[in-house]
Full PDB file with SEQRES, HELIX, SHEET, SSBOND, CRYST1, ORIGX, SCALE, CONECT and MASTER records, all heavy atoms in Angstrom:
SEQRES   1 A   33  ARG GLU ALA ALA LEU ARG THR PHE VAL THR SER ASP PHE          
SEQRES   2 A   33  SER TYR THR VAL GLU ASN LEU ILE GLN ALA GLY LYS ARG          
SEQRES   3 A   33  ARG LEU THR ILE GLN THR VAL                                  
HELIX    1 AA1 GLU A    2  LEU A    5  1                                   4    
HELIX    2 AA2 TYR A   15  LYS A   25  1                                  11    
CRYST1    1.000    1.000    1.000  90.00  90.00  90.00 P 1           1          
ORIGX1      1.000000  0.000000  0.000000        0.00000                         
ORIGX2      0.000000  1.000000  0.000000        0.00000                         
ORIGX3      0.000000  0.000000  1.000000        0.00000                         
SCALE1      1.000000  0.000000  0.000000        0.00000                         
SCALE2      0.000000  1.000000  0.000000        0.00000                         
SCALE3      0.000000  0.000000  1.000000        0.00000                         
ATOM      1  N   ARG A   1     100.536  93.118 120.147  1.00  0.00           N  
ATOM      2  CA  ARG A   1     100.291  93.819 118.834  1.00  0.00           C  
ATOM      3  C   ARG A   1     101.418  94.687 118.427  1.00  0.00           C  
ATOM      4  O   ARG A   1     101.948  94.794 117.372  1.00  0.00           O  
ATOM      5  CB  ARG A   1      98.964  94.638 118.926  1.00  0.00           C  
ATOM      6  CG  ARG A   1      98.576  95.382 117.583  1.00  0.00           C  
ATOM      7  CD  ARG A   1      97.359  96.149 117.878  1.00  0.00           C  
ATOM      8  NE  ARG A   1      96.879  96.876 116.671  1.00  0.00           N  
ATOM      9  CZ  ARG A   1      97.265  98.113 116.444  1.00  0.00           C  
ATOM     10  NH1 ARG A   1      98.088  98.740 117.426  1.00  0.00           N  
ATOM     11  NH2 ARG A   1      96.880  98.799 115.387  1.00  0.00           N  
ATOM     12  N   GLU A   2     101.955  95.340 119.553  1.00  0.00           N  
ATOM     13  CA  GLU A   2     103.151  96.283 119.294  1.00  0.00           C  
ATOM     14  C   GLU A   2     104.324  95.508 118.854  1.00  0.00           C  
ATOM     15  O   GLU A   2     105.014  95.980 117.833  1.00  0.00           O  
ATOM     16  CB  GLU A   2     103.392  96.963 120.671  1.00  0.00           C  
ATOM     17  CG  GLU A   2     104.468  98.009 120.498  1.00  0.00           C  
ATOM     18  CD  GLU A   2     104.160  99.213 119.718  1.00  0.00           C  
ATOM     19  OE1 GLU A   2     102.968  99.516 119.358  1.00  0.00           O  
ATOM     20  OE2 GLU A   2     105.137 100.029 119.381  1.00  0.00           O  
ATOM     21  N   ALA A   3     104.644  94.412 119.448  1.00  0.00           N  
ATOM     22  CA  ALA A   3     105.786  93.565 119.042  1.00  0.00           C  
ATOM     23  C   ALA A   3     105.703  93.017 117.593  1.00  0.00           C  
ATOM     24  O   ALA A   3     106.577  93.023 116.823  1.00  0.00           O  
ATOM     25  CB  ALA A   3     106.047  92.466 120.031  1.00  0.00           C  
ATOM     26  N   ALA A   4     104.466  92.651 117.319  1.00  0.00           N  
ATOM     27  CA  ALA A   4     104.128  92.123 115.970  1.00  0.00           C  
ATOM     28  C   ALA A   4     104.344  93.234 114.899  1.00  0.00           C  
ATOM     29  O   ALA A   4     104.929  92.933 113.780  1.00  0.00           O  
ATOM     30  CB  ALA A   4     102.722  91.560 115.843  1.00  0.00           C  
ATOM     31  N   LEU A   5     103.901  94.418 115.207  1.00  0.00           N  
ATOM     32  CA  LEU A   5     104.134  95.564 114.234  1.00  0.00           C  
ATOM     33  C   LEU A   5     105.524  95.833 113.986  1.00  0.00           C  
ATOM     34  O   LEU A   5     105.927  96.395 112.930  1.00  0.00           O  
ATOM     35  CB  LEU A   5     103.451  96.807 114.694  1.00  0.00           C  
ATOM     36  CG  LEU A   5     101.948  96.890 114.657  1.00  0.00           C  
ATOM     37  CD1 LEU A   5     101.291  98.007 115.476  1.00  0.00           C  
ATOM     38  CD2 LEU A   5     101.447  96.965 113.266  1.00  0.00           C  
ATOM     39  N   ARG A   6     106.353  95.584 114.930  1.00  0.00           N  
ATOM     40  CA  ARG A   6     107.799  95.762 114.817  1.00  0.00           C  
ATOM     41  C   ARG A   6     108.562  94.516 114.330  1.00  0.00           C  
ATOM     42  O   ARG A   6     109.857  94.496 114.326  1.00  0.00           O  
ATOM     43  CB  ARG A   6     108.458  96.240 116.100  1.00  0.00           C  
ATOM     44  CG  ARG A   6     107.947  97.661 116.482  1.00  0.00           C  
ATOM     45  CD  ARG A   6     108.749  98.135 117.658  1.00  0.00           C  
ATOM     46  NE  ARG A   6     108.276  99.534 117.944  1.00  0.00           N  
ATOM     47  CZ  ARG A   6     108.706 100.635 117.385  1.00  0.00           C  
ATOM     48  NH1 ARG A   6     109.642 100.638 116.357  1.00  0.00           N  
ATOM     49  NH2 ARG A   6     108.222 101.825 117.781  1.00  0.00           N  
ATOM     50  N   THR A   7     107.908  93.445 113.899  1.00  0.00           N  
ATOM     51  CA  THR A   7     108.589  92.247 113.407  1.00  0.00           C  
ATOM     52  C   THR A   7     108.756  92.223 111.867  1.00  0.00           C  
ATOM     53  O   THR A   7     107.708  92.329 111.191  1.00  0.00           O  
ATOM     54  CB  THR A   7     107.692  91.083 113.731  1.00  0.00           C  
ATOM     55  OG1 THR A   7     107.658  90.935 115.304  1.00  0.00           O  
ATOM     56  CG2 THR A   7     108.346  89.762 113.332  1.00  0.00           C  
ATOM     57  N   PHE A   8     109.944  92.290 111.494  1.00  0.00           N  
ATOM     58  CA  PHE A   8     110.205  92.232 110.092  1.00  0.00           C  
ATOM     59  C   PHE A   8     111.334  91.179 109.850  1.00  0.00           C  
ATOM     60  O   PHE A   8     112.469  91.322 109.970  1.00  0.00           O  
ATOM     61  CB  PHE A   8     110.822  93.659 109.531  1.00  0.00           C  
ATOM     62  CG  PHE A   8     109.976  94.781 109.990  1.00  0.00           C  
ATOM     63  CD1 PHE A   8     110.347  95.599 110.983  1.00  0.00           C  
ATOM     64  CD2 PHE A   8     108.885  95.032 109.326  1.00  0.00           C  
ATOM     65  CE1 PHE A   8     109.590  96.670 111.363  1.00  0.00           C  
ATOM     66  CE2 PHE A   8     108.012  96.111 109.662  1.00  0.00           C  
ATOM     67  CZ  PHE A   8     108.343  96.934 110.768  1.00  0.00           C  
ATOM     68  N   VAL A   9     110.857  90.017 109.362  1.00  0.00           N  
ATOM     69  CA  VAL A   9     111.715  88.929 109.076  1.00  0.00           C  
ATOM     70  C   VAL A   9     112.319  89.023 107.700  1.00  0.00           C  
ATOM     71  O   VAL A   9     111.594  89.103 106.654  1.00  0.00           O  
ATOM     72  CB  VAL A   9     111.027  87.528 109.214  1.00  0.00           C  
ATOM     73  CG1 VAL A   9     112.001  86.347 109.027  1.00  0.00           C  
ATOM     74  CG2 VAL A   9     110.449  87.489 110.676  1.00  0.00           C  
ATOM     75  N   THR A  10     113.662  88.948 107.687  1.00  0.00           N  
ATOM     76  CA  THR A  10     114.364  89.070 106.298  1.00  0.00           C  
ATOM     77  C   THR A  10     115.077  87.732 105.962  1.00  0.00           C  
ATOM     78  O   THR A  10     115.543  87.671 104.765  1.00  0.00           O  
ATOM     79  CB  THR A  10     115.323  90.163 106.271  1.00  0.00           C  
ATOM     80  OG1 THR A  10     116.417  89.989 107.370  1.00  0.00           O  
ATOM     81  CG2 THR A  10     114.668  91.595 106.514  1.00  0.00           C  
ATOM     82  N   SER A  11     115.273  86.864 106.833  1.00  0.00           N  
ATOM     83  CA  SER A  11     115.950  85.598 106.702  1.00  0.00           C  
ATOM     84  C   SER A  11     115.047  84.688 105.719  1.00  0.00           C  
ATOM     85  O   SER A  11     113.789  84.855 105.752  1.00  0.00           O  
ATOM     86  CB  SER A  11     116.211  84.847 108.059  1.00  0.00           C  
ATOM     87  OG  SER A  11     116.599  83.496 107.841  1.00  0.00           O  
ATOM     88  N   ASP A  12     115.798  83.823 105.025  1.00  0.00           N  
ATOM     89  CA  ASP A  12     114.948  82.847 104.204  1.00  0.00           C  
ATOM     90  C   ASP A  12     115.034  81.469 104.824  1.00  0.00           C  
ATOM     91  O   ASP A  12     114.678  80.545 104.178  1.00  0.00           O  
ATOM     92  CB  ASP A  12     115.579  82.924 102.754  1.00  0.00           C  
ATOM     93  CG  ASP A  12     117.074  82.534 102.738  1.00  0.00           C  
ATOM     94  OD1 ASP A  12     117.599  82.352 103.829  1.00  0.00           O  
ATOM     95  OD2 ASP A  12     117.606  82.387 101.607  1.00  0.00           O  
ATOM     96  N   PHE A  13     115.457  81.356 106.059  1.00  0.00           N  
ATOM     97  CA  PHE A  13     115.669  80.056 106.776  1.00  0.00           C  
ATOM     98  C   PHE A  13     114.636  79.947 107.853  1.00  0.00           C  
ATOM     99  O   PHE A  13     113.679  79.218 107.712  1.00  0.00           O  
ATOM    100  CB  PHE A  13     117.026  79.837 107.144  1.00  0.00           C  
ATOM    101  CG  PHE A  13     117.240  78.509 107.888  1.00  0.00           C  
ATOM    102  CD1 PHE A  13     116.903  77.328 107.278  1.00  0.00           C  
ATOM    103  CD2 PHE A  13     117.751  78.451 109.082  1.00  0.00           C  
ATOM    104  CE1 PHE A  13     117.049  76.068 108.012  1.00  0.00           C  
ATOM    105  CE2 PHE A  13     117.957  77.360 109.904  1.00  0.00           C  
ATOM    106  CZ  PHE A  13     117.617  76.165 109.170  1.00  0.00           C  
ATOM    107  N   SER A  14     114.933  80.519 108.964  1.00  0.00           N  
ATOM    108  CA  SER A  14     114.024  80.465 110.174  1.00  0.00           C  
ATOM    109  C   SER A  14     113.990  81.813 110.840  1.00  0.00           C  
ATOM    110  O   SER A  14     114.852  82.587 110.710  1.00  0.00           O  
ATOM    111  CB  SER A  14     114.626  79.411 111.184  1.00  0.00           C  
ATOM    112  OG  SER A  14     113.914  79.368 112.266  1.00  0.00           O  
ATOM    113  N   TYR A  15     112.735  82.044 111.399  1.00  0.00           N  
ATOM    114  CA  TYR A  15     112.495  83.350 111.971  1.00  0.00           C  
ATOM    115  C   TYR A  15     112.912  83.382 113.372  1.00  0.00           C  
ATOM    116  O   TYR A  15     113.170  84.660 113.948  1.00  0.00           O  
ATOM    117  CB  TYR A  15     110.996  83.655 111.981  1.00  0.00           C  
ATOM    118  CG  TYR A  15     110.164  82.472 112.710  1.00  0.00           C  
ATOM    119  CD1 TYR A  15     109.926  82.679 114.124  1.00  0.00           C  
ATOM    120  CD2 TYR A  15     109.847  81.394 112.114  1.00  0.00           C  
ATOM    121  CE1 TYR A  15     109.339  81.660 114.858  1.00  0.00           C  
ATOM    122  CE2 TYR A  15     109.143  80.381 112.799  1.00  0.00           C  
ATOM    123  CZ  TYR A  15     108.879  80.529 114.193  1.00  0.00           C  
ATOM    124  OH  TYR A  15     108.170  79.545 114.862  1.00  0.00           O  
ATOM    125  N   THR A  16     113.166  82.248 114.080  1.00  0.00           N  
ATOM    126  CA  THR A  16     113.367  82.342 115.597  1.00  0.00           C  
ATOM    127  C   THR A  16     114.500  83.176 116.021  1.00  0.00           C  
ATOM    128  O   THR A  16     114.436  84.003 116.928  1.00  0.00           O  
ATOM    129  CB  THR A  16     113.533  80.863 116.125  1.00  0.00           C  
ATOM    130  OG1 THR A  16     114.563  80.228 115.371  1.00  0.00           O  
ATOM    131  CG2 THR A  16     112.261  80.060 115.843  1.00  0.00           C  
ATOM    132  N   VAL A  17     115.656  82.964 115.434  1.00  0.00           N  
ATOM    133  CA  VAL A  17     116.915  83.773 115.921  1.00  0.00           C  
ATOM    134  C   VAL A  17     116.771  85.172 115.498  1.00  0.00           C  
ATOM    135  O   VAL A  17     117.029  86.006 116.317  1.00  0.00           O  
ATOM    136  CB  VAL A  17     118.167  82.981 115.330  1.00  0.00           C  
ATOM    137  CG1 VAL A  17     119.370  83.868 115.546  1.00  0.00           C  
ATOM    138  CG2 VAL A  17     118.352  81.654 115.981  1.00  0.00           C  
ATOM    139  N   GLU A  18     116.498  85.403 114.195  1.00  0.00           N  
ATOM    140  CA  GLU A  18     116.405  86.772 113.777  1.00  0.00           C  
ATOM    141  C   GLU A  18     115.347  87.534 114.559  1.00  0.00           C  
ATOM    142  O   GLU A  18     115.586  88.776 115.040  1.00  0.00           O  
ATOM    143  CB  GLU A  18     116.107  86.860 112.317  1.00  0.00           C  
ATOM    144  CG  GLU A  18     116.031  88.250 111.796  1.00  0.00           C  
ATOM    145  CD  GLU A  18     115.642  88.346 110.211  1.00  0.00           C  
ATOM    146  OE1 GLU A  18     115.314  87.286 109.681  1.00  0.00           O  
ATOM    147  OE2 GLU A  18     115.735  89.399 109.682  1.00  0.00           O  
ATOM    148  N   ASN A  19     114.242  87.028 114.771  1.00  0.00           N  
ATOM    149  CA  ASN A  19     113.175  87.678 115.540  1.00  0.00           C  
ATOM    150  C   ASN A  19     113.581  87.899 116.890  1.00  0.00           C  
ATOM    151  O   ASN A  19     113.242  89.117 117.503  1.00  0.00           O  
ATOM    152  CB  ASN A  19     111.888  86.718 115.523  1.00  0.00           C  
ATOM    153  CG  ASN A  19     110.680  87.412 116.232  1.00  0.00           C  
ATOM    154  OD1 ASN A  19     109.895  86.761 116.707  1.00  0.00           O  
ATOM    155  ND2 ASN A  19     110.526  88.711 115.915  1.00  0.00           N  
ATOM    156  N   LEU A  20     114.334  87.122 117.592  1.00  0.00           N  
ATOM    157  CA  LEU A  20     114.804  87.272 118.947  1.00  0.00           C  
ATOM    158  C   LEU A  20     115.837  88.425 119.066  1.00  0.00           C  
ATOM    159  O   LEU A  20     115.841  89.277 119.879  1.00  0.00           O  
ATOM    160  CB  LEU A  20     115.319  86.000 119.514  1.00  0.00           C  
ATOM    161  CG  LEU A  20     115.750  86.042 120.977  1.00  0.00           C  
ATOM    162  CD1 LEU A  20     114.541  86.503 121.850  1.00  0.00           C  
ATOM    163  CD2 LEU A  20     116.254  84.694 121.439  1.00  0.00           C  
ATOM    164  N   ILE A  21     116.854  88.436 118.079  1.00  0.00           N  
ATOM    165  CA  ILE A  21     117.901  89.430 118.012  1.00  0.00           C  
ATOM    166  C   ILE A  21     117.220  90.788 117.822  1.00  0.00           C  
ATOM    167  O   ILE A  21     117.599  91.764 118.438  1.00  0.00           O  
ATOM    168  CB  ILE A  21     118.897  89.104 117.036  1.00  0.00           C  
ATOM    169  CG1 ILE A  21     119.687  87.793 117.421  1.00  0.00           C  
ATOM    170  CG2 ILE A  21     119.957  90.203 116.875  1.00  0.00           C  
ATOM    171  CD1 ILE A  21     120.673  87.359 116.393  1.00  0.00           C  
ATOM    172  N   GLN A  22     116.320  90.869 116.912  1.00  0.00           N  
ATOM    173  CA  GLN A  22     115.585  92.060 116.628  1.00  0.00           C  
ATOM    174  C   GLN A  22     114.901  92.625 117.855  1.00  0.00           C  
ATOM    175  O   GLN A  22     115.074  93.853 118.250  1.00  0.00           O  
ATOM    176  CB  GLN A  22     114.529  91.888 115.504  1.00  0.00           C  
ATOM    177  CG  GLN A  22     115.087  91.787 114.152  1.00  0.00           C  
ATOM    178  CD  GLN A  22     113.844  91.562 113.131  1.00  0.00           C  
ATOM    179  OE1 GLN A  22     112.684  91.327 113.549  1.00  0.00           O  
ATOM    180  NE2 GLN A  22     114.250  91.670 111.814  1.00  0.00           N  
ATOM    181  N   ALA A  23     114.145  91.692 118.547  1.00  0.00           N  
ATOM    182  CA  ALA A  23     113.479  92.092 119.782  1.00  0.00           C  
ATOM    183  C   ALA A  23     114.367  92.653 120.879  1.00  0.00           C  
ATOM    184  O   ALA A  23     114.170  93.673 121.443  1.00  0.00           O  
ATOM    185  CB  ALA A  23     112.692  90.903 120.291  1.00  0.00           C  
ATOM    186  N   GLY A  24     115.541  91.923 121.020  1.00  0.00           N  
ATOM    187  CA  GLY A  24     116.483  92.375 121.988  1.00  0.00           C  
ATOM    188  C   GLY A  24     117.128  93.666 121.665  1.00  0.00           C  
ATOM    189  O   GLY A  24     117.245  94.524 122.535  1.00  0.00           O  
ATOM    190  N   LYS A  25     117.441  93.989 120.425  1.00  0.00           N  
ATOM    191  CA  LYS A  25     118.047  95.254 119.999  1.00  0.00           C  
ATOM    192  C   LYS A  25     116.989  96.389 120.080  1.00  0.00           C  
ATOM    193  O   LYS A  25     117.388  97.596 120.218  1.00  0.00           O  
ATOM    194  CB  LYS A  25     118.677  95.101 118.574  1.00  0.00           C  
ATOM    195  CG  LYS A  25     119.828  94.135 118.486  1.00  0.00           C  
ATOM    196  CD  LYS A  25     120.873  94.384 119.526  1.00  0.00           C  
ATOM    197  CE  LYS A  25     121.943  93.363 119.288  1.00  0.00           C  
ATOM    198  NZ  LYS A  25     123.067  93.567 120.480  1.00  0.00           N  
ATOM    199  N   ARG A  26     115.821  96.007 119.925  1.00  0.00           N  
ATOM    200  CA  ARG A  26     114.791  97.070 119.999  1.00  0.00           C  
ATOM    201  C   ARG A  26     114.214  97.283 121.469  1.00  0.00           C  
ATOM    202  O   ARG A  26     113.164  98.016 121.675  1.00  0.00           O  
ATOM    203  CB  ARG A  26     113.585  96.720 119.099  1.00  0.00           C  
ATOM    204  CG  ARG A  26     113.997  96.859 117.623  1.00  0.00           C  
ATOM    205  CD  ARG A  26     112.925  96.336 116.808  1.00  0.00           C  
ATOM    206  NE  ARG A  26     113.296  96.438 115.370  1.00  0.00           N  
ATOM    207  CZ  ARG A  26     112.837  95.607 114.340  1.00  0.00           C  
ATOM    208  NH1 ARG A  26     112.078  94.580 114.607  1.00  0.00           N  
ATOM    209  NH2 ARG A  26     113.388  95.778 113.120  1.00  0.00           N  
ATOM    210  N   ARG A  27     114.836  96.626 122.380  1.00  0.00           N  
ATOM    211  CA  ARG A  27     114.560  96.862 123.821  1.00  0.00           C  
ATOM    212  C   ARG A  27     113.093  96.350 124.108  1.00  0.00           C  
ATOM    213  O   ARG A  27     112.468  96.926 124.973  1.00  0.00           O  
ATOM    214  CB  ARG A  27     114.794  98.088 124.269  1.00  0.00           C  
ATOM    215  CG  ARG A  27     116.204  98.660 124.126  1.00  0.00           C  
ATOM    216  CD  ARG A  27     117.247  97.851 124.925  1.00  0.00           C  
ATOM    217  NE  ARG A  27     118.495  98.469 124.973  1.00  0.00           N  
ATOM    218  CZ  ARG A  27     119.480  98.113 124.067  1.00  0.00           C  
ATOM    219  NH1 ARG A  27     119.299  97.147 123.238  1.00  0.00           N  
ATOM    220  NH2 ARG A  27     120.680  98.730 124.109  1.00  0.00           N  
ATOM    221  N   LEU A  28     112.625  95.313 123.409  1.00  0.00           N  
ATOM    222  CA  LEU A  28     111.321  94.844 123.728  1.00  0.00           C  
ATOM    223  C   LEU A  28     111.391  93.989 125.026  1.00  0.00           C  
ATOM    224  O   LEU A  28     112.442  93.358 125.282  1.00  0.00           O  
ATOM    225  CB  LEU A  28     110.729  94.033 122.650  1.00  0.00           C  
ATOM    226  CG  LEU A  28     110.413  94.690 121.244  1.00  0.00           C  
ATOM    227  CD1 LEU A  28     109.790  93.767 120.295  1.00  0.00           C  
ATOM    228  CD2 LEU A  28     109.506  95.928 121.571  1.00  0.00           C  
ATOM    229  N   THR A  29     110.362  93.942 125.812  1.00  0.00           N  
ATOM    230  CA  THR A  29     110.375  93.058 127.164  1.00  0.00           C  
ATOM    231  C   THR A  29     110.064  91.671 126.734  1.00  0.00           C  
ATOM    232  O   THR A  29     108.938  91.394 126.256  1.00  0.00           O  
ATOM    233  CB  THR A  29     109.358  93.701 128.171  1.00  0.00           C  
ATOM    234  OG1 THR A  29     109.674  95.023 128.334  1.00  0.00           O  
ATOM    235  CG2 THR A  29     109.454  92.882 129.405  1.00  0.00           C  
ATOM    236  N   ILE A  30     111.044  90.786 127.011  1.00  0.00           N  
ATOM    237  CA  ILE A  30     110.831  89.416 126.585  1.00  0.00           C  
ATOM    238  C   ILE A  30     110.757  88.503 127.902  1.00  0.00           C  
ATOM    239  O   ILE A  30     111.676  88.721 128.838  1.00  0.00           O  
ATOM    240  CB  ILE A  30     112.005  88.884 125.745  1.00  0.00           C  
ATOM    241  CG1 ILE A  30     112.143  89.877 124.479  1.00  0.00           C  
ATOM    242  CG2 ILE A  30     111.843  87.561 125.329  1.00  0.00           C  
ATOM    243  CD1 ILE A  30     113.294  89.635 123.606  1.00  0.00           C  
ATOM    244  N   GLN A  31     109.879  87.637 127.955  1.00  0.00           N  
ATOM    245  CA  GLN A  31     109.840  86.667 129.078  1.00  0.00           C  
ATOM    246  C   GLN A  31     109.709  85.321 128.587  1.00  0.00           C  
ATOM    247  O   GLN A  31     109.345  85.089 127.224  1.00  0.00           O  
ATOM    248  CB  GLN A  31     108.590  86.962 129.990  1.00  0.00           C  
ATOM    249  CG  GLN A  31     108.740  88.264 130.816  1.00  0.00           C  
ATOM    250  CD  GLN A  31     107.610  88.331 131.853  1.00  0.00           C  
ATOM    251  OE1 GLN A  31     106.960  87.296 132.244  1.00  0.00           O  
ATOM    252  NE2 GLN A  31     107.392  89.523 132.431  1.00  0.00           N  
ATOM    253  N   THR A  32     109.971  84.359 129.408  1.00  0.00           N  
ATOM    254  CA  THR A  32     109.887  82.841 129.019  1.00  0.00           C  
ATOM    255  C   THR A  32     108.890  82.228 129.994  1.00  0.00           C  
ATOM    256  O   THR A  32     108.813  82.560 131.059  1.00  0.00           O  
ATOM    257  CB  THR A  32     111.247  82.154 129.012  1.00  0.00           C  
ATOM    258  OG1 THR A  32     111.859  82.217 130.282  1.00  0.00           O  
ATOM    259  CG2 THR A  32     112.187  82.907 127.961  1.00  0.00           C  
ATOM    260  N   VAL A  33     108.323  81.160 129.422  1.00  0.00           N  
ATOM    261  CA  VAL A  33     107.489  80.222 130.187  1.00  0.00           C  
ATOM    262  C   VAL A  33     107.819  78.846 129.947  1.00  0.00           C  
ATOM    263  O   VAL A  33     107.849  78.379 128.859  1.00  0.00           O  
ATOM    264  CB  VAL A  33     106.001  80.565 129.857  1.00  0.00           C  
ATOM    265  CG1 VAL A  33     105.071  79.481 130.524  1.00  0.00           C  
ATOM    266  CG2 VAL A  33     105.496  81.940 130.214  1.00  0.00           C  
TER     267      VAL A  33                                                      
MASTER        0    0    0    2    0    0    0    6  266    1    0    3          
END                                                                             
């Protein structure tokens, strides 16, 4: 919920890259499975 509240997509193409750069710059904890 916290990560979603901080998600603001401004791109008109795809969310994947922008969302990841945002999360990295905001120091969110990211894991992969």
